[in-house]
Every structure is written in structure tokens, then in C-alpha cells.
């Protein structure tokens, strides 16, 4: 990996971008062997890199952005989920429950800011109360045994601003400073010798005569690249192990892996979720408040961050799913928040928070969820796809890593290491 270290380290130690000094090599595109390569420096990619490095692998993380965690990992509710909603025996269920345990332990040991606030899932109409019983049974099947079903009067005694008929209390739900968590994972990985190359895009790959070939170029080379034209790599890596943890671009990237049977690559779906913040300074709630799940998400809920800022969201806005691959690689999604969307938030939030005042919601931020199912379809599970599925040695694709991806990140890494080593 000497060539990659030299290129990645030009001017920035181990954390710079891919320099183009390799162009001077007359023998064409340089090729270099690598042990383990992780594509994507989101929370899951960093957790996987750390776990692989702890297991003794020599790890390279390749990230198209100028820093870590700039996509879905930094545009979510920062909630530590309990594992309530997901189908029993699904990866989302098992990895969320295991990940929650690992995440609380990690944060406590490393001093990462977090708080076990607890949350209330509320039924505001008579037709919804039976759904709480279904969630309670589902949670128990997933090994979540600390939920408490309560009457609305009990919940409203805990939260005077709340209005509901019944509620489920989840005491093990919490919040975490996702940036500090990722920074800690990155420090762990780098202290174990991991190299991270920012501003470095993976644009494709193929099964070649030397094994799997990963095609790489500087992100700036893609900025003005004509849509649909071929991208010539500046470097070809030959990894023994490749983890495609590219988040929003994981599926578009896998579609550019020549030699991978495309029957194993799902169609991507993208859902944008907007958050609005409460303009008043004092939080009306001490717990997280969640309505019942909706199509594409778990409802416009109340989140309180570690600074006491109250956020409402996310809603669900389905995108067309036809994003051009290079645009995905560069994270050119529209993250703007239309201020008029708050007109949808007010009536939804007032079902459980009737005292929400007109004009008190301000545009916050938005995130994009990398989904494998579209509107009206049954929600998809995480897909962790290795050689046993697609037949290519050393290739692991991570598809549909949306919520509860943050909570599950350490458990996903543990799962991958147990399968790959």
C-alpha cells in the first residue's frame, strides 16, 4: 500500500486526498495491492474500519467528501433506538438490540456525550391504541423487555404538555452526539494504523485476473465530468477484502462492479426527511415523543439534542430514485428545507402537542434515507451481502443501511468481522 499512502498523504499526512502524481507513471493507471478497503467514512464505515483494524487487518478508508460523516450519518435524529419496530429475526432487530448495548458501553468508556432520556410512543386516537399492543408484542420478540404500557393519564403526568390516550414508555431509548462518536471511532481506527483518504472517489470496479479491482480517482476530477461518460480511474486498488459502505451511493456503486451479477443489486429508493426546530428556548418535554409509525418512517417525532434544542421530524418525501451515479458519489442530493413544509408539521404535531403555537417552527435541516423499498411497500431489512450470496471472494456490500444504522453501527461491524475473518 505504499503508493496509496504516498498519494493519500500528499500534504495532509494519512488524511489527505488522492494526489495525481501517479499520472507521471508511463505504464498507464497504477495498480496497488491492499489488504482491507472500506468505501465510505460514515458511522458504519468507520465502525467497520475500527473493527477490522482491531482484528489485525491493514485498513484503508476511501471517502469522496472532504471529511467523515457528511451524509446520512450527520443528518438524522441522533437517537439510540431500542429495537421496537423491526420484524423479529430481522437484521435490523438483532443488530439494533445488540448495537444499543454496545453503543451505550462504548460511549460510557470513551466519554462520548450521550443521554438515556427514554421515549414515549403515543396513541392519540382510539383506532391507534391496539397498535401499541402490537408494538409491545413485537418488541418482546426482539428481546426488548423493558417497555411499559400506560394509560394516557400516566403519560401526561410525566409530560404535562402531551396529549394521548395510551402510551408505551421505552426507558432504554436515548440520544448521542453522533459527530463525537464518529470522531472517536476514527481516532481508534487511525491509532491502529488505518489510513483514510478524503476527497477520493470510488467510481467502479470489476472482477479481474488478479481478483477484485477497485477503480479510484480524485473527487475533484468528477466535479465537471459529463453525465453518463466513462470515468477513467487514476488508481486501481486490488483489495483482499472490500467493504462497500458507501451509504447513499452503495447501490449505484455496486451497479458499476463489472462481474457482479446485477441480480444481487437491489433498486435504490431515496426518502428525504426534513426537521424543524422549536423557536422557544425551553423544551416542553423531557422525553422523546413518537407517534405511531407511518409509511416510510416512524413518524414526525420530538427529539431533544444534548444542548436542549427541540427538533420535530423527519417527515417523508419520496425522491424519484433516478439520481445519476456520479452525482450520488459526490453527494449532490438536495438537502434544502422548504419553509412551507411546516404547514404539514403543525397539524401532525398538534395531535400529541396541542399547545404548539403558530410560527414557532423554524427550518432546521434534512437528511436522505437510502431505502430498498418504495412508497407503500413493506419496509426492507438491512442487506449485508457477502461471497455466500454473490460468489465474489472478499466483497461485502452494505445496502439499505438507514435507521437504525447509527444505533447498530458497532454491531454491524462486529457482524462483518465475524463473517469475514
Protein backbone atom coordinates (compact mmCIF):
# COMPACT_ATOMS: atom_id res chain seq x y z
CA UNK A 1 0.00 0.00 0.00
CA UNK A 2 2.97 2.32 -0.25
CA UNK A 3 1.65 4.03 -3.38
CA UNK A 4 -1.75 4.76 -1.85
CA UNK A 5 -0.15 6.04 1.35
CA UNK A 6 2.06 8.36 -0.68
CA UNK A 7 -0.81 9.61 -2.84
CA UNK A 8 -3.31 9.89 0.01
CA UNK A 9 -0.76 11.59 2.22
CA UNK A 10 0.29 14.34 -0.17
CA UNK A 11 0.23 17.43 2.04
CA UNK A 12 -2.10 16.00 4.69
CA UNK A 13 -0.47 13.01 6.40
CA UNK A 14 -2.70 9.96 6.23
CA UNK A 15 -5.86 12.02 5.81
CA UNK A 16 -5.41 13.95 2.59
CA UNK A 17 -6.88 13.48 -0.88
CA UNK A 18 -5.66 11.33 -3.74
CA UNK A 19 -2.89 13.25 -5.49
CA UNK A 20 -2.41 12.92 -9.20
CA UNK A 21 1.33 12.43 -9.08
CA UNK A 22 0.57 8.92 -10.33
CA UNK A 23 -0.16 10.41 -13.75
CA UNK A 24 3.56 10.63 -14.39
CA UNK A 25 3.78 6.83 -14.44
CA UNK A 26 4.20 5.92 -18.08
CA UNK A 27 2.81 2.41 -17.69
CA UNK A 28 -0.79 3.62 -17.51
CA UNK A 29 -3.02 3.54 -14.45
CA UNK A 30 -1.03 2.43 -11.41
CA UNK A 31 -2.19 -0.68 -9.58
CA UNK A 32 -1.61 -1.45 -5.95
CA UNK A 33 -2.42 -4.35 -3.66
CA UNK A 34 -4.32 -3.65 -0.43
CA UNK A 35 -5.47 -5.74 2.49
CA UNK A 36 -8.85 -4.30 3.54
CA UNK A 37 -10.57 -1.32 1.91
CA UNK A 38 -13.69 0.35 3.32
CA UNK A 39 -15.60 2.62 0.95
CA UNK A 40 -17.34 5.38 2.91
CA UNK A 41 -16.42 7.18 6.14
CA UNK A 42 -19.89 7.36 7.61
CA UNK A 43 -20.60 5.98 11.06
CA UNK A 44 -20.90 2.39 9.80
CA UNK A 45 -17.80 2.61 7.60
CA UNK A 46 -15.75 3.99 10.48
CA UNK A 47 -17.07 1.33 12.87
CA UNK A 48 -16.17 -1.39 10.36
CA UNK A 49 -12.70 0.08 9.77
CA UNK A 50 -12.08 0.17 13.52
CA UNK A 51 -13.26 -3.42 13.99
CA UNK A 52 -11.13 -4.70 11.11
CA UNK A 53 -8.08 -2.83 12.42
CA UNK A 54 -8.67 -4.28 15.90
CA UNK A 55 -8.71 -7.72 14.27
CA UNK A 56 -5.26 -7.08 12.78
CA UNK A 57 -6.17 -6.07 9.23
CA UNK A 58 -4.36 -3.26 7.42
CA UNK A 59 -7.24 -0.92 6.57
CA UNK A 60 -7.74 1.88 4.07
CA UNK A 61 -10.88 4.02 4.19
CA UNK A 62 -11.75 5.85 0.96
CA UNK A 63 -14.15 8.79 1.26
CA UNK A 64 -15.29 11.09 -1.55
CA UNK A 65 -16.09 14.01 0.78
CA UNK A 66 -13.50 16.27 2.44
CA UNK A 67 -14.40 14.92 5.89
CA UNK A 68 -16.12 12.00 7.60
CA UNK A 69 -19.84 11.54 8.21
CA UNK A 70 -21.13 14.21 5.82
CA UNK A 71 -24.08 12.18 4.51
CA UNK A 72 -26.79 10.25 6.34
CA UNK A 73 -24.61 9.84 9.44
CA UNK A 74 -24.77 13.55 10.26
CA UNK A 75 -28.34 14.17 9.09
CA UNK A 76 -30.51 12.13 11.41
CA UNK A 77 -32.21 12.34 14.80
CA UNK A 78 -29.12 11.09 16.73
CA UNK A 79 -31.39 8.68 18.59
CA UNK A 80 -30.17 5.48 20.23
CA UNK A 81 -33.04 3.16 19.32
CA UNK A 82 -34.24 0.29 21.50
CA UNK A 83 -35.24 -2.18 18.74
CA UNK A 84 -39.02 -1.92 19.00
CA UNK A 85 -40.33 -1.62 15.45
CA UNK A 86 -38.36 -4.09 13.35
CA UNK A 87 -39.62 -7.52 12.31
CA UNK A 88 -38.47 -10.32 14.64
CA UNK A 89 -35.41 -12.23 13.42
CA UNK A 90 -34.52 -9.41 11.01
CA UNK A 91 -31.03 -7.92 10.90
CA UNK A 92 -32.47 -4.56 11.89
CA UNK A 93 -33.96 -6.09 15.04
CA UNK A 94 -30.97 -8.14 16.15
CA UNK A 95 -28.30 -5.58 15.25
CA UNK A 96 -30.24 -2.70 16.81
CA UNK A 97 -30.66 -4.53 20.13
CA UNK A 98 -27.03 -5.64 20.17
CA UNK A 99 -25.81 -2.27 18.85
CA UNK A 100 -27.66 -0.32 21.53
CA UNK A 101 -25.88 -2.33 24.23
CA UNK A 102 -22.51 -1.85 22.55
CA UNK A 103 -23.08 1.86 21.90
CA UNK A 104 -24.01 2.75 25.48
CA UNK A 105 -20.97 0.82 26.73
CA UNK A 106 -18.65 2.46 24.19
CA UNK A 107 -19.90 5.97 24.95
CA UNK A 108 -19.54 5.45 28.70
CA UNK A 109 -16.00 4.12 28.35
CA UNK A 110 -14.82 6.77 25.86
CA UNK A 111 -16.60 9.79 27.31
CA UNK A 112 -18.77 10.31 24.22
CA UNK A 113 -21.68 12.60 25.10
CA UNK A 114 -24.98 10.73 25.31
CA UNK A 115 -28.08 10.59 27.47
CA UNK A 116 -30.62 7.86 28.15
CA UNK A 117 -33.73 10.06 28.04
CA UNK A 118 -36.33 7.41 27.34
CA UNK A 119 -39.18 7.88 24.91
CA UNK A 120 -42.95 7.69 24.79
CA UNK A 121 -44.71 6.18 21.77
CA UNK A 122 -48.20 7.65 21.87
CA UNK A 123 -51.65 6.76 20.59
CA UNK A 124 -53.75 9.88 20.14
CA UNK A 125 -56.90 8.23 18.75
CA UNK A 126 -58.98 5.20 19.73
CA UNK A 127 -58.09 3.42 16.49
CA UNK A 128 -54.38 3.58 17.39
CA UNK A 129 -54.41 2.02 20.87
CA UNK A 130 -54.38 -1.55 19.55
CA UNK A 131 -51.24 -0.76 17.56
CA UNK A 132 -49.37 -0.10 20.83
CA UNK A 133 -50.20 -3.64 21.95
CA UNK A 134 -48.80 -4.95 18.65
CA UNK A 135 -45.60 -2.93 19.12
CA UNK A 136 -45.25 -4.25 22.67
CA UNK A 137 -45.50 -7.87 21.47
CA UNK A 138 -43.09 -7.19 18.61
CA UNK A 139 -40.55 -5.60 20.95
CA UNK A 140 -40.66 -8.57 23.31
CA UNK A 141 -39.96 -10.92 20.40
CA UNK A 142 -36.92 -8.76 19.61
CA UNK A 143 -35.65 -9.09 23.18
CA UNK A 144 -36.75 -5.61 24.30
CA UNK A 145 -38.30 -6.40 27.65
CA UNK A 146 -38.31 -3.04 29.44
CA UNK A 147 -41.30 -1.40 27.72
CA UNK A 148 -44.17 -0.20 29.86
CA UNK A 149 -47.71 0.21 28.54
CA UNK A 150 -49.50 3.02 30.31
CA UNK A 151 -52.72 4.96 30.22
CA UNK A 152 -52.74 8.45 28.78
CA UNK A 153 -53.19 9.94 32.23
CA UNK A 154 -49.94 8.36 33.41
CA UNK A 155 -48.04 9.58 30.35
CA UNK A 156 -49.48 13.07 30.66
CA UNK A 157 -48.49 13.17 34.30
CA UNK A 158 -44.91 12.53 33.15
CA UNK A 159 -45.24 15.06 30.31
CA UNK A 160 -47.86 17.75 31.06
CA UNK A 161 -47.71 19.20 27.51
CA UNK A 162 -48.50 15.80 25.98
CA UNK A 163 -51.97 14.66 24.91
CA UNK A 164 -52.64 10.97 24.27
CA UNK A 165 -54.98 8.09 25.12
CA UNK A 166 -52.28 5.49 25.76
CA UNK A 167 -48.50 5.30 25.51
CA UNK A 168 -45.56 2.93 25.51
CA UNK A 169 -42.56 4.00 27.60
CA UNK A 170 -39.18 2.87 26.30
CA UNK A 171 -36.69 3.69 29.07
CA UNK A 172 -33.62 2.48 27.15
CA UNK A 173 -34.03 4.89 24.21
CA UNK A 174 -31.53 7.74 24.24
CA UNK A 175 -29.57 10.30 22.25
CA UNK A 176 -25.91 10.54 21.28
CA UNK A 177 -23.55 13.16 19.88
CA UNK A 178 -23.04 11.43 16.53
CA UNK A 179 -20.12 13.67 15.50
CA UNK A 180 -18.19 12.92 18.70
CA UNK A 181 -18.97 9.22 18.31
CA UNK A 182 -17.61 9.18 14.75
CA UNK A 183 -14.57 11.21 15.78
CA UNK A 184 -13.83 8.63 18.47
CA UNK A 185 -14.22 5.73 16.02
CA UNK A 186 -11.89 7.49 13.60
CA UNK A 187 -9.28 8.04 16.31
CA UNK A 188 -9.47 4.37 17.31
CA UNK A 189 -9.02 3.25 13.72
CA UNK A 190 -6.14 5.62 12.98
CA UNK A 191 -4.36 4.68 16.21
CA UNK A 192 -4.44 1.10 14.93
CA UNK A 193 -2.80 2.13 11.66
CA UNK A 194 -5.82 2.78 9.45
CA UNK A 195 -5.24 5.13 6.51
CA UNK A 196 -8.11 7.42 5.48
CA UNK A 197 -8.15 9.18 2.13
CA UNK A 198 -10.65 12.04 1.80
CA UNK A 199 -11.65 13.72 -1.48
CA UNK A 200 -11.19 10.30 -3.05
CA UNK A 201 -14.00 8.71 -5.04
CA UNK A 202 -14.54 5.07 -5.90
CA UNK A 203 -16.12 5.11 -9.35
CA UNK A 204 -16.41 1.40 -10.05
CA UNK A 205 -14.65 -1.92 -10.07
CA UNK A 206 -14.51 -5.32 -11.67
CA UNK A 207 -13.55 -8.90 -11.10
CA UNK A 208 -10.16 -9.14 -12.82
CA UNK A 209 -7.40 -11.68 -13.28
CA UNK A 210 -5.75 -10.55 -10.02
CA UNK A 211 -9.00 -10.64 -8.08
CA UNK A 212 -11.29 -7.68 -7.45
CA UNK A 213 -10.18 -4.35 -8.89
CA UNK A 214 -11.37 -1.11 -7.31
CA UNK A 215 -11.30 1.99 -9.54
CA UNK A 216 -10.42 5.26 -7.81
CA UNK A 217 -9.96 8.90 -8.73
CA UNK A 218 -9.85 12.28 -7.07
CA UNK A 219 -13.29 13.67 -6.27
CA UNK A 220 -12.40 16.95 -8.00
CA UNK A 221 -11.94 15.00 -11.24
CA UNK A 222 -15.65 14.21 -11.12
CA UNK A 223 -16.88 17.73 -10.44
CA UNK A 224 -17.24 18.71 -14.10
CA UNK A 225 -17.46 15.21 -15.51
CA UNK A 226 -20.00 14.88 -18.36
CA UNK A 227 -23.08 12.95 -17.26
CA UNK A 228 -23.07 9.37 -18.50
CA UNK A 229 -19.50 9.37 -19.83
CA UNK A 230 -16.82 6.90 -18.81
CA UNK A 231 -14.70 7.80 -15.80
CA UNK A 232 -11.05 6.82 -16.18
CA UNK A 233 -9.55 5.79 -12.83
CA UNK A 234 -6.31 7.30 -11.61
CA UNK A 235 -5.55 4.33 -9.39
CA UNK A 236 -6.62 0.69 -9.27
CA UNK A 237 -6.60 -0.98 -5.88
CA UNK A 238 -6.53 -4.77 -5.53
CA UNK A 239 -8.04 -5.41 -2.09
CA UNK A 240 -8.22 -8.79 -0.40
CA UNK A 241 -11.32 -7.53 1.39
CA UNK A 242 -13.65 -4.76 0.16
CA UNK A 243 -16.49 -3.33 2.26
CA UNK A 244 -18.93 -1.23 0.22
CA UNK A 245 -20.28 1.02 2.97
CA UNK A 246 -20.98 3.97 0.70
CA UNK A 247 -24.42 4.74 2.14
CA UNK A 248 -26.49 6.68 -0.38
CA UNK A 249 -24.20 5.62 -3.22
CA UNK A 250 -23.73 1.96 -2.17
CA UNK A 251 -26.24 0.66 -4.73
CA UNK A 252 -25.12 2.93 -7.62
CA UNK A 253 -21.53 1.89 -6.91
CA UNK A 254 -22.37 -1.82 -6.91
CA UNK A 255 -24.10 -1.34 -10.25
CA UNK A 256 -20.66 -0.34 -11.55
CA UNK A 257 -18.97 -3.51 -10.31
CA UNK A 258 -18.43 -5.47 -13.52
CA UNK A 259 -18.53 -9.18 -12.88
CA UNK A 260 -21.00 -8.85 -10.01
CA UNK A 261 -24.29 -10.45 -11.04
CA UNK A 262 -26.66 -7.49 -11.05
CA UNK A 263 -29.48 -9.74 -9.90
CA UNK A 264 -27.96 -9.30 -6.43
CA UNK A 265 -28.02 -5.49 -6.62
CA UNK A 266 -31.36 -4.02 -5.49
CA UNK A 267 -33.03 -0.93 -6.89
CA UNK A 268 -32.40 2.16 -4.76
CA UNK A 269 -35.14 4.32 -3.25
CA UNK A 270 -34.48 7.64 -1.56
CA UNK A 271 -36.64 9.41 1.00
CA UNK A 272 -35.86 12.93 2.16
CA UNK A 273 -36.83 13.85 5.69
CA UNK A 274 -36.96 17.45 6.94
CA UNK A 275 -36.56 18.64 10.51
CA UNK A 276 -37.97 21.80 12.03
CA UNK A 277 -36.72 23.28 15.29
CA UNK A 278 -38.77 24.85 18.06
CA UNK A 279 -38.00 28.55 18.32
CA UNK A 280 -38.74 28.81 22.04
CA UNK A 281 -35.72 28.00 24.19
CA UNK A 282 -37.25 25.82 26.91
CA UNK A 283 -38.17 22.29 25.90
CA UNK A 284 -41.81 21.34 26.56
CA UNK A 285 -40.76 17.69 27.01
CA UNK A 286 -38.18 15.74 28.99
CA UNK A 287 -38.63 12.52 26.98
CA UNK A 288 -38.54 11.86 23.26
CA UNK A 289 -42.11 11.71 21.93
CA UNK A 290 -43.02 9.47 19.00
CA UNK A 291 -46.32 8.98 17.21
CA UNK A 292 -47.07 5.60 15.67
CA UNK A 293 -45.04 4.61 12.57
CA UNK A 294 -46.07 5.79 9.11
CA UNK A 295 -45.28 4.74 5.55
CA UNK A 296 -41.55 5.21 5.00
CA UNK A 297 -40.65 6.18 8.56
CA UNK A 298 -41.51 6.12 12.23
CA UNK A 299 -43.43 9.37 12.28
CA UNK A 300 -42.72 13.05 12.89
CA UNK A 301 -41.35 12.81 16.39
CA UNK A 302 -39.88 15.07 19.06
CA UNK A 303 -36.16 14.83 19.59
CA UNK A 304 -34.19 16.77 22.17
CA UNK A 305 -30.48 17.09 21.47
CA UNK A 306 -27.77 17.26 24.11
CA UNK A 307 -27.95 21.07 24.11
CA UNK A 308 -31.68 21.01 24.82
CA UNK A 309 -32.69 22.01 21.27
CA UNK A 310 -36.09 20.56 20.35
CA UNK A 311 -36.48 19.16 16.83
CA UNK A 312 -39.56 17.81 15.07
CA UNK A 313 -39.13 15.35 12.21
CA UNK A 314 -38.40 13.79 9.95
CA UNK A 315 -41.28 13.75 7.52
CA UNK A 316 -41.16 11.55 4.41
CA UNK A 317 -40.73 12.94 0.90
CA UNK A 318 -40.02 10.30 -1.71
CA UNK A 319 -37.47 11.25 -4.35
CA UNK A 320 -37.55 9.83 -7.87
CA UNK A 321 -34.64 7.42 -7.24
CA UNK A 322 -33.09 8.14 -10.64
CA UNK A 323 -30.05 10.05 -9.42
CA UNK A 324 -27.09 9.88 -11.80
CA UNK A 325 -24.30 7.71 -10.26
CA UNK A 326 -21.56 10.36 -10.26
CA UNK A 327 -23.93 12.79 -8.53
CA UNK A 328 -24.52 10.13 -5.88
CA UNK A 329 -20.78 9.60 -5.45
CA UNK A 330 -20.40 13.34 -4.80
CA UNK A 331 -23.48 13.50 -2.52
CA UNK A 332 -25.23 16.04 -4.73
CA UNK A 333 -28.61 15.45 -3.16
CA UNK A 334 -30.89 18.37 -2.43
CA UNK A 335 -30.76 18.95 1.33
CA UNK A 336 -32.66 22.23 1.33
CA UNK A 337 -35.63 22.60 3.67
CA UNK A 338 -38.65 24.32 2.15
CA UNK A 339 -40.04 26.57 4.90
CA UNK A 340 -43.58 25.95 3.66
CA UNK A 341 -43.35 22.28 4.66
CA UNK A 342 -44.01 23.38 8.23
CA UNK A 343 -47.68 23.68 7.24
CA UNK A 344 -47.73 19.88 7.21
CA UNK A 345 -45.90 19.63 10.53
CA UNK A 346 -48.29 21.74 12.62
CA UNK A 347 -51.41 19.53 12.36
CA UNK A 348 -49.39 16.32 12.77
CA UNK A 349 -47.50 17.53 15.85
CA UNK A 350 -50.61 19.06 17.43
CA UNK A 351 -52.18 15.63 17.66
CA UNK A 352 -49.88 14.98 20.62
CA UNK A 353 -48.68 18.53 21.39
CA UNK A 354 -51.79 20.71 21.08
CA UNK A 355 -50.15 23.80 22.56
CA UNK A 356 -47.73 24.17 19.65
CA UNK A 357 -48.01 27.84 18.70
CA UNK A 358 -48.29 29.17 15.18
CA UNK A 359 -44.96 30.50 13.91
CA UNK A 360 -42.89 28.57 16.45
CA UNK A 361 -41.35 26.11 13.96
CA UNK A 362 -38.22 27.12 12.08
CA UNK A 363 -36.50 25.23 9.23
CA UNK A 364 -33.73 23.01 10.57
CA UNK A 365 -32.02 20.51 8.28
CA UNK A 366 -32.82 17.48 6.15
CA UNK A 367 -31.42 14.03 5.54
CA UNK A 368 -31.78 11.40 2.82
CA UNK A 369 -32.53 7.78 3.71
CA UNK A 370 -31.05 5.05 1.46
CA UNK A 371 -34.02 2.70 1.20
CA UNK A 372 -34.55 -0.58 -0.61
CA UNK A 373 -38.35 -0.31 -0.69
CA UNK A 374 -40.55 2.41 -2.10
CA UNK A 375 -43.85 4.06 -1.20
CA UNK A 376 -46.47 1.63 0.04
CA UNK A 377 -44.05 -1.32 0.04
CA UNK A 378 -43.10 -3.41 3.05
CA UNK A 379 -40.03 -1.83 4.71
CA UNK A 380 -36.81 -3.63 3.77
CA UNK A 381 -34.24 -5.09 6.09
CA UNK A 382 -30.55 -4.26 6.14
CA UNK A 383 -28.69 -6.18 3.43
CA UNK A 384 -25.18 -7.37 4.35
CA UNK A 385 -24.16 -9.30 1.29
CA UNK A 386 -21.00 -11.39 1.06
CA UNK A 387 -19.47 -14.14 -1.05
CA UNK A 388 -22.04 -16.67 0.15
CA UNK A 389 -24.64 -14.63 -1.75
CA UNK A 390 -22.93 -13.21 -4.84
CA UNK A 391 -19.92 -15.53 -5.16
CA UNK A 392 -17.17 -12.90 -5.30
CA UNK A 393 -14.43 -13.55 -2.70
CA UNK A 394 -13.73 -10.66 -0.36
CA UNK A 395 -16.60 -8.38 -1.44
CA UNK A 396 -19.15 -7.26 1.16
CA UNK A 397 -21.95 -4.91 0.08
CA UNK A 398 -23.97 -2.97 2.66
CA UNK A 399 -27.31 -1.94 1.18
CA UNK A 400 -30.20 -0.06 2.77
CA UNK A 401 -28.32 0.98 5.91
CA UNK A 402 -30.82 3.56 7.13
CA UNK A 403 -32.27 3.87 10.64
CA UNK A 404 -31.34 2.21 12.98
CA UNK A 405 -27.91 2.33 11.32
CA UNK A 406 -26.37 4.71 13.87
CA UNK A 407 -27.53 2.57 16.81
CA UNK A 408 -26.49 -0.62 15.01
CA UNK A 409 -23.10 0.56 13.73
CA UNK A 410 -20.88 -1.28 16.22
CA UNK A 411 -22.97 -4.44 15.90
CA UNK A 412 -22.85 -4.26 12.08
CA UNK A 413 -19.06 -4.04 12.33
CA UNK A 414 -18.97 -6.99 14.74
CA UNK A 415 -21.20 -8.98 12.38
CA UNK A 416 -18.97 -8.29 9.37
CA UNK A 417 -15.76 -9.16 11.16
CA UNK A 418 -17.25 -12.43 12.41
CA UNK A 419 -18.16 -13.34 8.82
CA UNK A 420 -15.01 -12.16 7.06
CA UNK A 421 -12.19 -13.27 9.34
